[in-house]
């Protein structure tokens, strides 16, 4: 061992011998004192933490209560954060609300429809006119064109201001049993007139009044003769009908009355706002045969009904 090292050991032994270890009871009292000190520090730290918490609560309460957040609707899943930005889908505007009602329990709206008003008749087709039976066909055809549809009744013109449309034709006919080389037995002036709503009934009423107001009138010719008109009872044709006759005395070659009358029948039949008028004018001074006239009047009414249906 070197002298220097030996000297260090001697110094260490001297220092140790001079320090006396404390007795056990002294060490115990010292340890208890340190334990009490640590407990006191712990209590002080806890008290400071509580004081800070209370002060913070008072500051929050002083600021006033904020609005409670609205709870999510029932069944709504809690949104989760996503790192992907949601795609924006442009929304189309909602369709306009229909002006129709919805029936209870139905999936589609109950459409309330208003039935359209009946179309006003403005034209008269060929099919509105009746066709003669083959036995009565004179073989001359019928001719549409202008001209009077009624005999003159002292200048009266019933229902003209209410007329919507009118067509008229001339239709020669032959009595059943006539031979093919005979001249026609007579000629019909057949007209169909469309009136405004209610005008057809008024026109027939005016026609009755005109016949009553004109029982007789002078006829054309030289020398002049008197033509007489009168209403005849009638029923069973269309919605209503007016039947009257005209009587003109027969004349000889000199124009003088020769006895007897040339008689012609006129029947106006209303079907709704349409009037079918059949005026039998004769052929070379022939008179109307009532049975043939009545049969052709029925044919005329049926043709109008088929057209209107």
Protein backbone atom coordinates (compact mmCIF):
# COMPACT_ATOMS: atom_id res chain seq x y z
CA UNK A 1 0.00 0.00 0.00
CA UNK A 2 1.33 3.44 -0.87
CA UNK A 3 1.86 5.99 1.94
CA UNK A 4 -0.70 8.31 0.35
CA UNK A 5 -3.43 5.71 0.29
CA UNK A 6 -2.64 4.72 3.84
CA UNK A 7 -3.06 8.35 4.86
CA UNK A 8 -6.51 8.55 3.27
CA UNK A 9 -7.71 5.51 5.19
CA UNK A 10 -6.51 7.00 8.43
CA UNK A 11 -8.38 10.24 7.84
CA UNK A 12 -11.62 8.30 7.06
CA UNK A 13 -11.32 6.27 10.26
CA UNK A 14 -10.81 9.37 12.33
CA UNK A 15 -13.89 11.07 10.90
CA UNK A 16 -16.03 8.01 11.51
CA UNK A 17 -14.96 7.53 15.04
CA UNK A 18 -15.84 11.12 15.92
CA UNK A 19 -19.58 10.81 14.61
CA UNK A 20 -21.78 9.09 17.23
CA UNK A 21 -24.98 7.35 15.89
CA UNK A 22 -28.19 8.59 17.47
CA UNK A 23 -30.16 6.34 19.81
CA UNK A 24 -33.18 4.31 18.44
CA UNK A 25 -35.89 6.35 20.23
CA UNK A 26 -34.43 9.53 18.78
CA UNK A 27 -34.55 8.07 15.29
CA UNK A 28 -38.23 7.07 15.85
CA UNK A 29 -39.24 10.55 17.00
CA UNK A 30 -37.51 12.10 14.01
CA UNK A 31 -39.33 9.76 11.61
CA UNK A 32 -42.72 10.55 13.21
CA UNK A 33 -42.05 14.28 12.87
CA UNK A 34 -41.35 13.92 9.14
CA UNK A 35 -44.49 11.84 8.65
CA UNK A 36 -46.67 14.48 10.30
CA UNK A 37 -45.07 17.16 8.15
CA UNK A 38 -45.80 15.24 4.97
CA UNK A 39 -49.46 14.73 6.02
CA UNK A 40 -49.90 18.43 6.68
CA UNK A 41 -48.50 19.26 3.24
CA UNK A 42 -50.90 16.78 1.65
CA UNK A 43 -53.91 18.35 3.43
CA UNK A 44 -52.87 21.84 2.36
CA UNK A 45 -52.49 20.73 -1.26
CA UNK A 46 -55.95 19.09 -1.23
CA UNK A 47 -57.51 22.23 0.28
CA UNK A 48 -55.97 24.38 -2.43
CA UNK A 49 -57.32 22.08 -5.16
CA UNK A 50 -60.86 22.21 -3.68
CA UNK A 51 -60.73 26.00 -3.43
CA UNK A 52 -59.70 26.29 -7.07
CA UNK A 53 -62.54 23.99 -8.17
CA UNK A 54 -65.16 25.98 -6.24
CA UNK A 55 -63.92 29.26 -7.67
CA UNK A 56 -64.10 27.88 -11.18
CA UNK A 57 -67.67 26.65 -10.64
CA UNK A 58 -68.73 30.07 -9.38
CA UNK A 59 -67.30 31.70 -12.51
CA UNK A 60 -69.24 29.30 -14.75
CA UNK A 61 -72.50 29.83 -12.84
CA UNK A 62 -72.02 33.61 -12.92
CA UNK A 63 -71.80 33.49 -16.71
CA UNK A 64 -75.43 32.19 -16.87
CA UNK A 65 -76.79 28.91 -18.18
CA UNK A 66 -76.38 28.27 -21.89
CA UNK A 67 -79.08 26.71 -24.14
CA UNK A 68 -79.40 23.01 -23.75
CA UNK A 69 -78.41 21.16 -26.88
CA UNK A 70 -81.41 19.58 -28.65
CA UNK A 71 -81.41 15.84 -28.20
CA UNK A 72 -81.05 13.86 -31.37
CA UNK A 73 -84.29 12.35 -32.71
CA UNK A 74 -85.08 8.83 -31.72
CA UNK A 75 -83.52 6.28 -33.95
CA UNK A 76 -80.97 8.76 -35.38
CA UNK A 77 -77.49 7.20 -35.39
CA UNK A 78 -74.69 9.16 -33.77
CA UNK A 79 -72.57 10.73 -36.50
CA UNK A 80 -69.03 9.54 -36.69
CA UNK A 81 -66.21 11.72 -37.87
CA UNK A 82 -65.02 10.89 -41.30
CA UNK A 83 -61.89 11.94 -43.03
CA UNK A 84 -63.65 11.84 -46.40
CA UNK A 85 -65.57 14.96 -47.39
CA UNK A 86 -69.21 14.13 -48.18
CA UNK A 87 -70.28 14.51 -51.78
CA UNK A 88 -72.87 17.20 -52.45
CA UNK A 89 -75.82 15.99 -54.50
CA UNK A 90 -77.81 18.81 -56.11
CA UNK A 91 -81.45 18.59 -55.16
CA UNK A 92 -84.16 19.16 -57.73
CA UNK A 93 -87.05 21.44 -56.83
CA UNK A 94 -90.14 19.59 -55.63
CA UNK A 95 -92.92 19.18 -58.17
CA UNK A 96 -95.76 21.66 -57.89
CA UNK A 97 -98.61 20.56 -55.70
CA UNK A 98 -101.47 19.29 -57.89
CA UNK A 99 -104.83 20.90 -57.51
CA UNK A 100 -106.48 17.58 -56.92
CA UNK A 101 -107.57 15.89 -53.74
CA UNK A 102 -106.21 12.74 -52.22
CA UNK A 103 -108.57 10.05 -51.13
CA UNK A 104 -107.91 8.54 -47.66
CA UNK A 105 -105.69 5.50 -47.82
CA UNK A 106 -104.82 5.97 -51.48
CA UNK A 107 -101.33 6.22 -52.87
CA UNK A 108 -102.13 8.37 -55.83
CA UNK A 109 -104.11 11.63 -55.86
CA UNK A 110 -107.77 11.31 -56.68
CA UNK A 111 -108.20 13.34 -59.83
CA UNK A 112 -111.33 15.43 -59.80
CA UNK A 113 -112.49 15.86 -63.31
CA UNK A 114 -115.13 18.10 -64.54
CA UNK A 115 -117.01 16.66 -67.48
CA UNK A 116 -116.64 18.92 -70.55
CA UNK A 117 -119.68 20.80 -71.80
CA UNK A 118 -121.42 19.31 -74.80
CA UNK A 119 -120.00 20.64 -78.05
CA UNK A 120 -122.27 23.03 -79.90
CA UNK A 121 -123.30 21.72 -83.32
CA UNK A 122 -122.25 24.04 -86.10
CA UNK A 123 -122.40 21.89 -89.26
CA UNK A 124 -124.96 19.54 -90.77
CA UNK A 125 -123.56 16.49 -92.61
CA UNK A 126 -125.24 14.66 -95.48
CA UNK A 127 -125.98 11.68 -93.22
CA UNK A 128 -128.42 13.85 -91.22
CA UNK A 129 -130.84 13.62 -94.20
CA UNK A 130 -133.01 10.57 -94.77
CA UNK A 131 -132.73 8.21 -97.73
CA UNK A 132 -135.78 7.27 -99.78
CA UNK A 133 -136.63 3.57 -100.13
CA UNK A 134 -135.81 2.10 -103.52
CA UNK A 135 -139.53 1.90 -104.37
CA UNK A 136 -139.89 5.67 -103.87
CA UNK A 137 -136.65 6.76 -105.50
CA UNK A 138 -137.42 8.87 -108.54
CA UNK A 139 -133.89 8.38 -109.85
CA UNK A 140 -133.21 12.09 -110.02
CA UNK A 141 -131.11 12.37 -106.88
CA UNK A 142 -131.32 15.22 -104.37
CA UNK A 143 -130.07 18.75 -104.79
CA UNK A 144 -128.66 20.88 -101.97
CA UNK A 145 -128.94 24.60 -102.42
CA UNK A 146 -130.43 27.85 -101.19
CA UNK A 147 -134.09 28.64 -101.31
CA UNK A 148 -137.15 28.98 -99.10
CA UNK A 149 -137.76 26.22 -96.52
CA UNK A 150 -141.32 27.30 -95.66
CA UNK A 151 -144.26 28.62 -97.66
CA UNK A 152 -144.94 32.31 -97.26
CA UNK A 153 -146.99 32.99 -94.12
CA UNK A 154 -147.99 36.62 -94.51
CA UNK A 155 -144.32 37.62 -94.34
CA UNK A 156 -143.50 35.88 -91.06
CA UNK A 157 -140.03 34.36 -90.61
CA UNK A 158 -140.05 32.26 -87.43
CA UNK A 159 -136.79 31.81 -85.50
CA UNK A 160 -134.33 33.32 -87.99
CA UNK A 161 -132.34 35.25 -85.35
CA UNK A 162 -131.61 32.03 -83.39
CA UNK A 163 -130.32 29.95 -86.31
CA UNK A 164 -126.79 28.51 -85.95
CA UNK A 165 -126.68 26.52 -89.19
CA UNK A 166 -129.10 25.37 -91.87
CA UNK A 167 -129.01 23.12 -94.92
CA UNK A 168 -131.79 22.39 -97.37
CA UNK A 169 -132.28 20.09 -100.33
CA UNK A 170 -134.87 19.29 -102.96
CA UNK A 171 -135.75 15.60 -103.23
CA UNK A 172 -138.17 14.38 -105.92
CA UNK A 173 -139.91 11.12 -105.06
CA UNK A 174 -142.20 8.56 -106.66
CA UNK A 175 -145.22 6.87 -105.12
CA UNK A 176 -144.91 3.15 -104.58
CA UNK A 177 -146.11 1.19 -107.62
CA UNK A 178 -145.31 3.96 -110.11
CA UNK A 179 -143.57 2.88 -113.31
CA UNK A 180 -140.05 3.95 -114.13
CA UNK A 181 -141.18 6.13 -117.03
CA UNK A 182 -143.58 8.18 -114.95
CA UNK A 183 -142.71 11.65 -113.82
CA UNK A 184 -142.03 12.11 -110.10
CA UNK A 185 -145.11 12.05 -107.92
CA UNK A 186 -143.96 15.02 -105.85
CA UNK A 187 -141.03 16.96 -104.52
CA UNK A 188 -139.82 17.48 -100.95
CA UNK A 189 -138.13 20.60 -99.79
CA UNK A 190 -136.33 19.13 -96.80
CA UNK A 191 -134.38 21.38 -94.44
CA UNK A 192 -132.46 20.82 -91.18
CA UNK A 193 -131.80 23.76 -88.88
CA UNK A 194 -129.60 23.98 -85.77
CA UNK A 195 -130.79 26.55 -83.24
CA UNK A 196 -129.11 28.05 -80.22
CA UNK A 197 -130.08 26.51 -76.89
CA UNK A 198 -133.84 26.88 -76.45
CA UNK A 199 -134.24 28.44 -79.88
CA UNK A 200 -135.80 25.40 -81.56
CA UNK A 201 -138.78 25.26 -79.20
CA UNK A 202 -139.30 29.01 -79.57
CA UNK A 203 -139.14 28.69 -83.37
CA UNK A 204 -141.88 26.04 -83.39
CA UNK A 205 -144.03 28.20 -81.11
CA UNK A 206 -143.58 31.12 -83.51
CA UNK A 207 -144.45 28.85 -86.45
CA UNK A 208 -147.75 27.86 -84.83
CA UNK A 209 -148.51 31.50 -84.14
CA UNK A 210 -147.66 32.48 -87.73
CA UNK A 211 -150.02 29.85 -89.20
CA UNK A 212 -152.83 30.96 -86.90
CA UNK A 213 -152.18 34.60 -87.75
CA UNK A 214 -152.26 33.89 -91.50
CA UNK A 215 -155.36 31.82 -92.30
CA UNK A 216 -155.35 33.05 -95.90
CA UNK A 217 -153.35 35.24 -98.25
CA UNK A 218 -153.27 36.02 -101.95
CA UNK A 219 -151.26 33.72 -104.14
CA UNK A 220 -149.16 34.67 -107.11
CA UNK A 221 -150.67 34.36 -110.51
CA UNK A 222 -153.14 36.00 -112.81
CA UNK A 223 -155.90 36.21 -111.92
CA UNK A 224 -154.90 36.09 -108.23
CA UNK A 225 -156.29 33.36 -106.03
CA UNK A 226 -156.46 32.93 -102.29
CA UNK A 227 -154.21 30.43 -100.43
CA UNK A 228 -155.46 29.16 -97.08
CA UNK A 229 -153.37 27.78 -94.19
CA UNK A 230 -154.47 25.86 -91.12
CA UNK A 231 -152.90 23.83 -88.33
CA UNK A 232 -153.58 20.07 -88.14
CA UNK A 233 -153.37 17.91 -85.02
CA UNK A 234 -150.07 16.04 -84.83
CA UNK A 235 -148.13 13.90 -82.37
CA UNK A 236 -145.60 11.08 -82.20
CA UNK A 237 -142.77 12.84 -84.04
CA UNK A 238 -139.60 13.84 -82.18
CA UNK A 239 -139.83 15.96 -79.04
CA UNK A 240 -142.62 18.02 -80.57
CA UNK A 241 -143.95 18.80 -84.01
CA UNK A 242 -146.05 21.27 -85.95
CA UNK A 243 -148.17 20.11 -88.89
CA UNK A 244 -150.13 22.40 -91.18
CA UNK A 245 -151.49 22.46 -94.70
CA UNK A 246 -151.79 24.94 -97.52
CA UNK A 247 -154.76 24.91 -99.91
CA UNK A 248 -154.76 26.57 -103.29
CA UNK A 249 -157.71 26.30 -105.73
CA UNK A 250 -157.04 24.45 -108.94
CA UNK A 251 -157.09 26.63 -112.02
CA UNK A 252 -157.68 25.94 -115.63
CA UNK A 253 -155.56 27.09 -118.53
CA UNK A 254 -157.04 30.54 -118.29
CA UNK A 255 -156.13 30.77 -114.59
CA UNK A 256 -159.69 30.48 -113.39
CA UNK A 257 -160.61 28.20 -110.49
CA UNK A 258 -161.56 24.76 -111.85
CA UNK A 259 -162.79 23.18 -108.66
CA UNK A 260 -160.99 21.43 -105.90
CA UNK A 261 -157.79 22.37 -104.07
CA UNK A 262 -154.16 21.55 -104.46
CA UNK A 263 -153.12 20.52 -100.92
CA UNK A 264 -149.61 20.39 -99.55
CA UNK A 265 -148.43 19.37 -96.07
CA UNK A 266 -145.60 20.87 -94.01
CA UNK A 267 -144.28 19.21 -90.85
CA UNK A 268 -141.63 20.67 -88.55
CA UNK A 269 -140.19 18.22 -86.01
CA UNK A 270 -137.93 19.26 -83.14
CA UNK A 271 -135.26 16.92 -81.77
CA UNK A 272 -133.41 18.83 -79.05
CA UNK A 273 -132.10 22.03 -80.63
CA UNK A 274 -132.49 20.70 -84.18
CA UNK A 275 -135.56 21.09 -86.36
CA UNK A 276 -136.20 18.87 -89.38
CA UNK A 277 -138.77 20.43 -91.69
CA UNK A 278 -140.40 18.50 -94.55
CA UNK A 279 -142.39 20.56 -97.03
CA UNK A 280 -144.14 18.61 -99.79
CA UNK A 281 -144.46 20.91 -102.81
CA UNK A 282 -146.03 18.59 -105.38
CA UNK A 283 -145.11 18.04 -109.00
CA UNK A 284 -147.13 19.56 -111.84
CA UNK A 285 -150.08 20.41 -109.58
CA UNK A 286 -150.11 17.13 -107.65
CA UNK A 287 -151.22 17.09 -104.00
CA UNK A 288 -149.52 15.46 -101.02
CA UNK A 289 -150.36 11.85 -100.26
CA UNK A 290 -150.66 11.70 -96.45
CA UNK A 291 -149.47 8.11 -95.95
CA UNK A 292 -146.30 8.67 -97.99
CA UNK A 293 -145.68 11.98 -96.28
CA UNK A 294 -146.02 10.50 -92.77
CA UNK A 295 -143.68 7.62 -93.62
CA UNK A 296 -141.00 9.94 -94.97
CA UNK A 297 -141.42 12.24 -91.94
CA UNK A 298 -140.54 9.31 -89.67
CA UNK A 299 -137.51 8.51 -91.81
CA UNK A 300 -136.38 12.11 -91.51
CA UNK A 301 -136.67 12.05 -87.70
CA UNK A 302 -134.74 8.77 -87.42
CA UNK A 303 -131.93 10.12 -89.60
CA UNK A 304 -131.59 13.16 -87.33
CA UNK A 305 -131.58 10.99 -84.21
CA UNK A 306 -128.83 8.76 -85.62
CA UNK A 307 -126.78 11.82 -86.49
CA UNK A 308 -127.17 13.34 -83.03
CA UNK A 309 -126.41 10.04 -81.27
